[in-house]
PDB file of N, CA and C in Angstrom:
ATOM      1  N   MET A   1      95.946 137.884  94.440  1.00  0.00           N
ATOM      2  CA  MET A   1      97.022 136.788  94.934  1.00  0.00           C
ATOM      3  C   MET A   1      97.829 136.688  93.823  1.00  0.00           C
ATOM      4  N   SER A   2      98.991 136.293  94.288  1.00  0.00           N
ATOM      5  CA  SER A   2     100.186 136.082  92.951  1.00  0.00           C
ATOM      6  C   SER A   2     100.072 134.703  92.931  1.00  0.00           C
ATOM      7  N   PHE A   3     100.431 134.203  91.819  1.00  0.00           N
ATOM      8  CA  PHE A   3     100.581 132.961  91.111  1.00  0.00           C
ATOM      9  C   PHE A   3     101.204 132.120  92.190  1.00  0.00           C
ATOM     10  N   LEU A   4     102.573 132.496  92.636  1.00  0.00           N
ATOM     11  CA  LEU A   4     103.407 131.740  93.447  1.00  0.00           C
ATOM     12  C   LEU A   4     102.501 131.345  94.845  1.00  0.00           C
ATOM     13  N   HIS A   5     101.745 132.389  95.482  1.00  0.00           N
ATOM     14  CA  HIS A   5     100.966 132.241  96.407  1.00  0.00           C
ATOM     15  C   HIS A   5      99.890 131.169  96.320  1.00  0.00           C
ATOM     16  N   LYS A   6      99.082 131.200  94.909  1.00  0.00           N
ATOM     17  CA  LYS A   6      98.205 130.214  94.705  1.00  0.00           C
ATOM     18  C   LYS A   6      98.756 128.788  94.640  1.00  0.00           C
ATOM     19  N   VAL A   7     100.026 128.690  94.147  1.00  0.00           N
ATOM     20  CA  VAL A   7     100.716 127.137  93.989  1.00  0.00           C
ATOM     21  C   VAL A   7     100.935 126.907  95.455  1.00  0.00           C
ATOM     22  N   ALA A   8     101.719 127.679  96.442  1.00  0.00           N
ATOM     23  CA  ALA A   8     101.803 127.365  97.610  1.00  0.00           C
ATOM     24  C   ALA A   8     100.693 126.733  98.547  1.00  0.00           C
ATOM     25  N   THR A   9      99.777 127.565  98.368  1.00  0.00           N
ATOM     26  CA  THR A   9      98.372 127.120  98.945  1.00  0.00           C
ATOM     27  C   THR A   9      97.770 125.794  98.595  1.00  0.00           C
ATOM     28  N   ALA A  10      97.826 125.679  97.110  1.00  0.00           N
ATOM     29  CA  ALA A  10      97.275 124.342  96.667  1.00  0.00           C
ATOM     30  C   ALA A  10      98.226 123.416  97.142  1.00  0.00           C
ATOM     31  N   LEU A  11      99.444 123.497  97.196  1.00  0.00           N
ATOM     32  CA  LEU A  11     100.569 122.385  97.973  1.00  0.00           C
ATOM     33  C   LEU A  11     100.341 122.137  99.192  1.00  0.00           C
ATOM     34  N   LEU A  12     100.119 122.945  99.970  1.00  0.00           N
ATOM     35  CA  LEU A  12      99.781 122.849 101.558  1.00  0.00           C
ATOM     36  C   LEU A  12      98.420 122.234 101.679  1.00  0.00           C
ATOM     37  N   LEU A  13      97.447 122.655 100.736  1.00  0.00           N
ATOM     38  CA  LEU A  13      96.157 121.821 101.304  1.00  0.00           C
ATOM     39  C   LEU A  13      96.158 120.579 100.567  1.00  0.00           C
ATOM     40  N   ALA A  14      96.983 120.059  99.661  1.00  0.00           N
ATOM     41  CA  ALA A  14      97.127 118.830  99.179  1.00  0.00           C
ATOM     42  C   ALA A  14      97.733 117.676 100.046  1.00  0.00           C
ATOM     43  N   SER A  15      98.884 118.576 100.761  1.00  0.00           N
ATOM     44  CA  SER A  15      99.617 117.580 101.566  1.00  0.00           C
ATOM     45  C   SER A  15      98.915 117.408 102.854  1.00  0.00           C
ATOM     46  N   VAL A  16      97.861 118.346 103.243  1.00  0.00           N
ATOM     47  CA  VAL A  16      97.054 118.081 104.289  1.00  0.00           C
ATOM     48  C   VAL A  16      96.125 117.369 104.192  1.00  0.00           C
ATOM     49  N   SER A  17      95.548 117.117 103.053  1.00  0.00           N
ATOM     50  CA  SER A  17      94.109 116.339 102.937  1.00  0.00           C
ATOM     51  C   SER A  17      94.717 114.881 102.700  1.00  0.00           C
ATOM     52  N   ALA A  18      95.697 114.602 102.204  1.00  0.00           N
ATOM     53  CA  ALA A  18      96.414 113.338 102.023  1.00  0.00           C
ATOM     54  C   ALA A  18      96.846 112.523 103.328  1.00  0.00           C
ATOM     55  N   THR A  19      97.340 113.484 104.199  1.00  0.00           N
ATOM     56  CA  THR A  19      97.512 112.896 105.497  1.00  0.00           C
ATOM     57  C   THR A  19      96.448 112.807 106.446  1.00  0.00           C
ATOM     58  N   ALA A  20      95.233 113.330 106.169  1.00  0.00           N
ATOM     59  CA  ALA A  20      93.995 113.255 106.926  1.00  0.00           C
ATOM     60  C   ALA A  20      93.336 111.974 106.675  1.00  0.00           C
ATOM     61  N   PHE A  21      93.410 111.538 105.293  1.00  0.00           N
ATOM     62  CA  PHE A  21      92.570 110.305 104.903  1.00  0.00           C
ATOM     63  C   PHE A  21      93.366 109.182 104.945  1.00  0.00           C
ATOM     64  N   ALA A  22      94.659 109.120 104.972  1.00  0.00           N
ATOM     65  CA  ALA A  22      95.586 108.103 105.052  1.00  0.00           C
ATOM     66  C   ALA A  22      95.189 107.153 106.150  1.00  0.00           C
ATOM     67  N   GLN A  23      94.961 105.570 105.713  1.00  0.00           N
ATOM     68  CA  GLN A  23      94.620 104.530 106.502  1.00  0.00           C
ATOM     69  C   GLN A  23      95.729 103.768 106.217  1.00  0.00           C
ATOM     70  N   ALA A  24      95.963 102.528 107.439  1.00  0.00           N
ATOM     71  CA  ALA A  24      96.636 101.574 107.153  1.00  0.00           C
ATOM     72  C   ALA A  24      96.204 100.833 106.328  1.00  0.00           C
ATOM     73  N   PHE A  25      97.297 100.045 105.335  1.00  0.00           N
ATOM     74  CA  PHE A  25      96.665  99.013 104.365  1.00  0.00           C
ATOM     75  C   PHE A  25      97.482  97.793 104.353  1.00  0.00           C
ATOM     76  N   PRO A  26      97.067  96.705 104.486  1.00  0.00           N
ATOM     77  CA  PRO A  26      95.583  96.323 104.691  1.00  0.00           C
ATOM     78  C   PRO A  26      94.960  96.377 105.986  1.00  0.00           C
ATOM     79  N   ILE A  27      93.372  96.601 106.020  1.00  0.00           N
ATOM     80  CA  ILE A  27      93.054  96.496 107.227  1.00  0.00           C
ATOM     81  C   ILE A  27      92.210  95.515 107.716  1.00  0.00           C
ATOM     82  N   LYS A  28      92.355  94.382 106.685  1.00  0.00           N
ATOM     83  CA  LYS A  28      91.611  93.094 107.306  1.00  0.00           C
ATOM     84  C   LYS A  28      92.720  92.076 106.789  1.00  0.00           C
ATOM     85  N   PRO A  29      92.543  90.456 106.957  1.00  0.00           N
ATOM     86  CA  PRO A  29      93.382  89.629 106.497  1.00  0.00           C
ATOM     87  C   PRO A  29      93.377  89.582 105.134  1.00  0.00           C
ATOM     88  N   VAL A  30      94.669  89.138 104.545  1.00  0.00           N
ATOM     89  CA  VAL A  30      94.891  89.000 103.250  1.00  0.00           C
ATOM     90  C   VAL A  30      94.881  87.621 102.739  1.00  0.00           C
ATOM     91  N   ARG A  31      93.745  87.436 101.747  1.00  0.00           N
ATOM     92  CA  ARG A  31      93.782  85.719 101.085  1.00  0.00           C
ATOM     93  C   ARG A  31      94.303  85.694  99.725  1.00  0.00           C
ATOM     94  N   ILE A  32      95.455  84.516  99.818  1.00  0.00           N
ATOM     95  CA  ILE A  32      95.904  84.137  98.513  1.00  0.00           C
ATOM     96  C   ILE A  32      94.990  83.106  98.010  1.00  0.00           C
ATOM     97  N   VAL A  33      94.406  83.273  96.827  1.00  0.00           N
ATOM     98  CA  VAL A  33      93.476  82.070  96.262  1.00  0.00           C
ATOM     99  C   VAL A  33      94.417  81.602  95.469  1.00  0.00           C
ATOM    100  N   ILE A  34      94.540  80.041  95.539  1.00  0.00           N
ATOM    101  CA  ILE A  34      95.082  79.528  94.517  1.00  0.00           C
ATOM    102  C   ILE A  34      94.079  78.432  93.775  1.00  0.00           C
ATOM    103  N   GLY A  35      94.218  78.574  92.575  1.00  0.00           N
ATOM    104  CA  GLY A  35      93.142  77.826  91.751  1.00  0.00           C
ATOM    105  C   GLY A  35      93.481  76.388  91.346  1.00  0.00           C
ATOM    106  N   PHE A  36      94.276  75.567  92.394  1.00  0.00           N
ATOM    107  CA  PHE A  36      94.781  74.383  91.897  1.00  0.00           C
ATOM    108  C   PHE A  36      94.853  73.609  93.511  1.00  0.00           C
ATOM    109  N   PRO A  37      94.772  72.183  93.302  1.00  0.00           N
ATOM    110  CA  PRO A  37      95.087  71.397  94.598  1.00  0.00           C
ATOM    111  C   PRO A  37      96.164  71.433  95.399  1.00  0.00           C
ATOM    112  N   ALA A  38      95.798  71.434  96.825  1.00  0.00           N
ATOM    113  CA  ALA A  38      96.964  71.383  97.589  1.00  0.00           C
ATOM    114  C   ALA A  38      98.004  70.479  97.512  1.00  0.00           C
ATOM    115  N   GLY A  39      99.326  70.830  97.761  1.00  0.00           N
ATOM    116  CA  GLY A  39     100.299  69.837  97.271  1.00  0.00           C
ATOM    117  C   GLY A  39     101.009  70.274  96.217  1.00  0.00           C
ATOM    118  N   GLY A  40     100.675  70.890  95.362  1.00  0.00           N
ATOM    119  CA  GLY A  40     101.363  71.180  93.935  1.00  0.00           C
ATOM    120  C   GLY A  40     102.385  72.135  94.330  1.00  0.00           C
ATOM    121  N   ALA A  41     102.940  72.495  92.923  1.00  0.00           N
ATOM    122  CA  ALA A  41     104.289  73.414  93.273  1.00  0.00           C
ATOM    123  C   ALA A  41     103.454  74.963  93.436  1.00  0.00           C
ATOM    124  N   ILE A  42     102.466  75.337  92.915  1.00  0.00           N
ATOM    125  CA  ILE A  42     101.941  76.435  93.106  1.00  0.00           C
ATOM    126  C   ILE A  42     101.450  76.761  94.467  1.00  0.00           C
ATOM    127  N   ASP A  43     100.873  75.588  94.920  1.00  0.00           N
ATOM    128  CA  ASP A  43     100.536  75.634  96.363  1.00  0.00           C
ATOM    129  C   ASP A  43     101.645  76.093  97.429  1.00  0.00           C
ATOM    130  N   LEU A  44     102.622  75.110  96.913  1.00  0.00           N
ATOM    131  CA  LEU A  44     104.009  75.247  97.801  1.00  0.00           C
ATOM    132  C   LEU A  44     104.495  76.768  97.677  1.00  0.00           C
ATOM    133  N   VAL A  45     104.583  77.470  96.524  1.00  0.00           N
ATOM    134  CA  VAL A  45     104.993  78.786  96.523  1.00  0.00           C
ATOM    135  C   VAL A  45     104.190  79.807  97.214  1.00  0.00           C
ATOM    136  N   GLY A  46     102.907  79.581  97.277  1.00  0.00           N
ATOM    137  CA  GLY A  46     102.000  80.202  97.964  1.00  0.00           C
ATOM    138  C   GLY A  46     102.123  80.055  99.508  1.00  0.00           C
ATOM    139  N   ARG A  47     102.501  79.036  99.950  1.00  0.00           N
ATOM    140  CA  ARG A  47     102.580  78.917 101.323  1.00  0.00           C
ATOM    141  C   ARG A  47     103.929  79.148 101.724  1.00  0.00           C
ATOM    142  N   ILE A  48     105.085  79.282 100.958  1.00  0.00           N
ATOM    143  CA  ILE A  48     106.300  79.870 101.252  1.00  0.00           C
ATOM    144  C   ILE A  48     106.171  81.340 101.497  1.00  0.00           C
ATOM    145  N   ILE A  49     105.280  81.941 100.390  1.00  0.00           N
ATOM    146  CA  ILE A  49     105.325  83.330 100.413  1.00  0.00           C
ATOM    147  C   ILE A  49     104.321  83.921 101.495  1.00  0.00           C
ATOM    148  N   ALA A  50     103.532  83.408 101.892  1.00  0.00           N
ATOM    149  CA  ALA A  50     102.573  83.740 102.947  1.00  0.00           C
ATOM    150  C   ALA A  50     103.089  84.152 104.326  1.00  0.00           C
ATOM    151  N   PRO A  51     103.873  83.441 104.931  1.00  0.00           N
ATOM    152  CA  PRO A  51     104.493  83.889 106.101  1.00  0.00           C
ATOM    153  C   PRO A  51     105.233  85.316 105.887  1.00  0.00           C
ATOM    154  N   LYS A  52     106.089  85.303 104.853  1.00  0.00           N
ATOM    155  CA  LYS A  52     106.984  86.492 104.623  1.00  0.00           C
ATOM    156  C   LYS A  52     106.023  87.657 104.282  1.00  0.00           C
ATOM    157  N   LEU A  53     104.890  87.505 103.651  1.00  0.00           N
ATOM    158  CA  LEU A  53     103.849  88.934 103.374  1.00  0.00           C
ATOM    159  C   LEU A  53     103.257  89.114 104.579  1.00  0.00           C
ATOM    160  N   SER A  54     102.922  88.168 105.455  1.00  0.00           N
ATOM    161  CA  SER A  54     102.249  88.224 106.564  1.00  0.00           C
ATOM    162  C   SER A  54     103.106  89.369 107.530  1.00  0.00           C
ATOM    163  N   ASP A  55     104.405  89.030 107.502  1.00  0.00           N
ATOM    164  CA  ASP A  55     105.118  89.746 108.511  1.00  0.00           C
ATOM    165  C   ASP A  55     105.569  91.440 107.680  1.00  0.00           C
ATOM    166  N   ALA A  56     105.474  91.198 106.412  1.00  0.00           N
ATOM    167  CA  ALA A  56     105.744  92.612 105.823  1.00  0.00           C
ATOM    168  C   ALA A  56     104.515  93.449 105.870  1.00  0.00           C
ATOM    169  N   LEU A  57     103.300  92.988 105.876  1.00  0.00           N
ATOM    170  CA  LEU A  57     102.089  93.795 105.764  1.00  0.00           C
ATOM    171  C   LEU A  57     101.765  93.741 107.306  1.00  0.00           C
ATOM    172  N   GLY A  58     102.028  92.961 108.208  1.00  0.00           N
ATOM    173  CA  GLY A  58     101.473  93.078 109.735  1.00  0.00           C
ATOM    174  C   GLY A  58      99.885  92.819 109.700  1.00  0.00           C
ATOM    175  N   GLN A  59      99.494  91.762 108.869  1.00  0.00           N
ATOM    176  CA  GLN A  59      98.336  91.123 108.725  1.00  0.00           C
ATOM    177  C   GLN A  59      98.418  89.841 108.602  1.00  0.00           C
ATOM    178  N   PRO A  60      97.291  88.963 108.734  1.00  0.00           N
ATOM    179  CA  PRO A  60      97.450  87.567 108.899  1.00  0.00           C
ATOM    180  C   PRO A  60      97.320  87.387 107.272  1.00  0.00           C
ATOM    181  N   VAL A  61      98.061  86.388 106.713  1.00  0.00           N
ATOM    182  CA  VAL A  61      97.656  85.921 105.131  1.00  0.00           C
ATOM    183  C   VAL A  61      97.339  84.495 105.094  1.00  0.00           C
ATOM    184  N   VAL A  62      96.139  84.235 104.590  1.00  0.00           N
ATOM    185  CA  VAL A  62      95.652  82.851 104.743  1.00  0.00           C
ATOM    186  C   VAL A  62      95.731  82.641 103.115  1.00  0.00           C
ATOM    187  N   VAL A  63      96.152  81.112 102.882  1.00  0.00           N
ATOM    188  CA  VAL A  63      96.274  80.460 101.646  1.00  0.00           C
ATOM    189  C   VAL A  63      94.994  79.657 101.450  1.00  0.00           C
ATOM    190  N   ASP A  64      94.123  80.052 100.257  1.00  0.00           N
ATOM    191  CA  ASP A  64      92.902  79.398 100.122  1.00  0.00           C
ATOM    192  C   ASP A  64      92.949  78.441  98.817  1.00  0.00           C
ATOM    193  N   ASN A  65      92.916  77.343  98.691  1.00  0.00           N
ATOM    194  CA  ASN A  65      92.862  76.465  97.593  1.00  0.00           C
ATOM    195  C   ASN A  65      91.544  76.273  97.057  1.00  0.00           C
ATOM    196  N   ARG A  66      91.485  76.662  95.656  1.00  0.00           N
ATOM    197  CA  ARG A  66      90.051  76.388  95.145  1.00  0.00           C
ATOM    198  C   ARG A  66      90.318  75.640  93.903  1.00  0.00           C
ATOM    199  N   PRO A  67      90.457  74.421  93.922  1.00  0.00           N
ATOM    200  CA  PRO A  67      90.829  73.700  92.477  1.00  0.00           C
ATOM    201  C   PRO A  67      89.331  73.278  91.933  1.00  0.00           C
ATOM    202  N   GLY A  68      89.695  73.172  90.703  1.00  0.00           N
ATOM    203  CA  GLY A  68      88.480  73.040  89.688  1.00  0.00           C
ATOM    204  C   GLY A  68      88.318  73.834  88.693  1.00  0.00           C
ATOM    205  N   ALA A  69      87.907  73.050  87.612  1.00  0.00           N
ATOM    206  CA  ALA A  69      87.382  73.768  86.400  1.00  0.00           C
ATOM    207  C   ALA A  69      88.567  74.798  85.819  1.00  0.00           C
ATOM    208  N   ASN A  70      89.595  74.120  85.851  1.00  0.00           N
ATOM    209  CA  ASN A  70      90.889  74.879  85.400  1.00  0.00           C
ATOM    210  C   ASN A  70      91.130  76.241  85.692  1.00  0.00           C
ATOM    211  N   GLY A  71      90.909  76.414  86.985  1.00  0.00           N
ATOM    212  CA  GLY A  71      91.227  77.606  87.879  1.00  0.00           C
ATOM    213  C   GLY A  71      90.013  78.610  87.967  1.00  0.00           C
ATOM    214  N   ALA A  72      89.030  78.329  87.425  1.00  0.00           N
ATOM    215  CA  ALA A  72      87.616  78.868  87.145  1.00  0.00           C
ATOM    216  C   ALA A  72      87.032  79.081  88.491  1.00  0.00           C
ATOM    217  N   LEU A  73      86.933  78.387  89.147  1.00  0.00           N
ATOM    218  CA  LEU A  73      86.628  78.022  90.737  1.00  0.00           C
ATOM    219  C   LEU A  73      87.379  79.096  91.453  1.00  0.00           C
ATOM    220  N   GLY A  74      88.784  79.266  91.321  1.00  0.00           N
ATOM    221  CA  GLY A  74      89.499  80.178  91.972  1.00  0.00           C
ATOM    222  C   GLY A  74      89.234  81.519  91.629  1.00  0.00           C
ATOM    223  N   LEU A  75      89.068  81.828  90.285  1.00  0.00           N
ATOM    224  CA  LEU A  75      88.691  83.253  89.728  1.00  0.00           C
ATOM    225  C   LEU A  75      87.512  83.514  90.474  1.00  0.00           C
ATOM    226  N   ASP A  76      86.474  82.579  90.650  1.00  0.00           N
ATOM    227  CA  ASP A  76      85.113  82.998  90.844  1.00  0.00           C
ATOM    228  C   ASP A  76      85.176  83.435  92.377  1.00  0.00           C
ATOM    229  N   ALA A  77      86.128  82.626  93.152  1.00  0.00           N
ATOM    230  CA  ALA A  77      86.214  82.947  94.628  1.00  0.00           C
ATOM    231  C   ALA A  77      87.014  84.609  94.592  1.00  0.00           C
ATOM    232  N   VAL A  78      87.838  84.873  93.707  1.00  0.00           N
ATOM    233  CA  VAL A  78      88.480  86.211  93.706  1.00  0.00           C
ATOM    234  C   VAL A  78      87.539  87.357  93.545  1.00  0.00           C
ATOM    235  N   LEU A  79      86.568  87.190  92.340  1.00  0.00           N
ATOM    236  CA  LEU A  79      85.770  88.008  91.870  1.00  0.00           C
ATOM    237  C   LEU A  79      84.401  88.242  92.900  1.00  0.00           C
ATOM    238  N   ASN A  80      84.015  87.166  93.502  1.00  0.00           N
ATOM    239  CA  ASN A  80      82.935  87.210  94.384  1.00  0.00           C
ATOM    240  C   ASN A  80      83.232  86.823  95.641  1.00  0.00           C
ATOM    241  N   PRO A  81      83.884  87.695  96.706  1.00  0.00           N
ATOM    242  CA  PRO A  81      84.465  86.996  97.877  1.00  0.00           C
ATOM    243  C   PRO A  81      83.164  86.541  98.777  1.00  0.00           C
TER     244      PRO A  81
END
């Protein structure tokens, strides 16, 4: 096999395998975790962004407020779903 033939074969195999394993992302609802109480400026921004993000992704987007411990409870909610 020539070098050009090997390169063409590798490119063909790479393109076929990428389409075979492609999945829609995301496949489940998206959760925006806000580590501060509802009603604040950060919560307001999250609630404004959520519907637009939902339209763009085609999945529901849920705003989840986890106030307390200076944001540590929100971080824990992200790390341990």
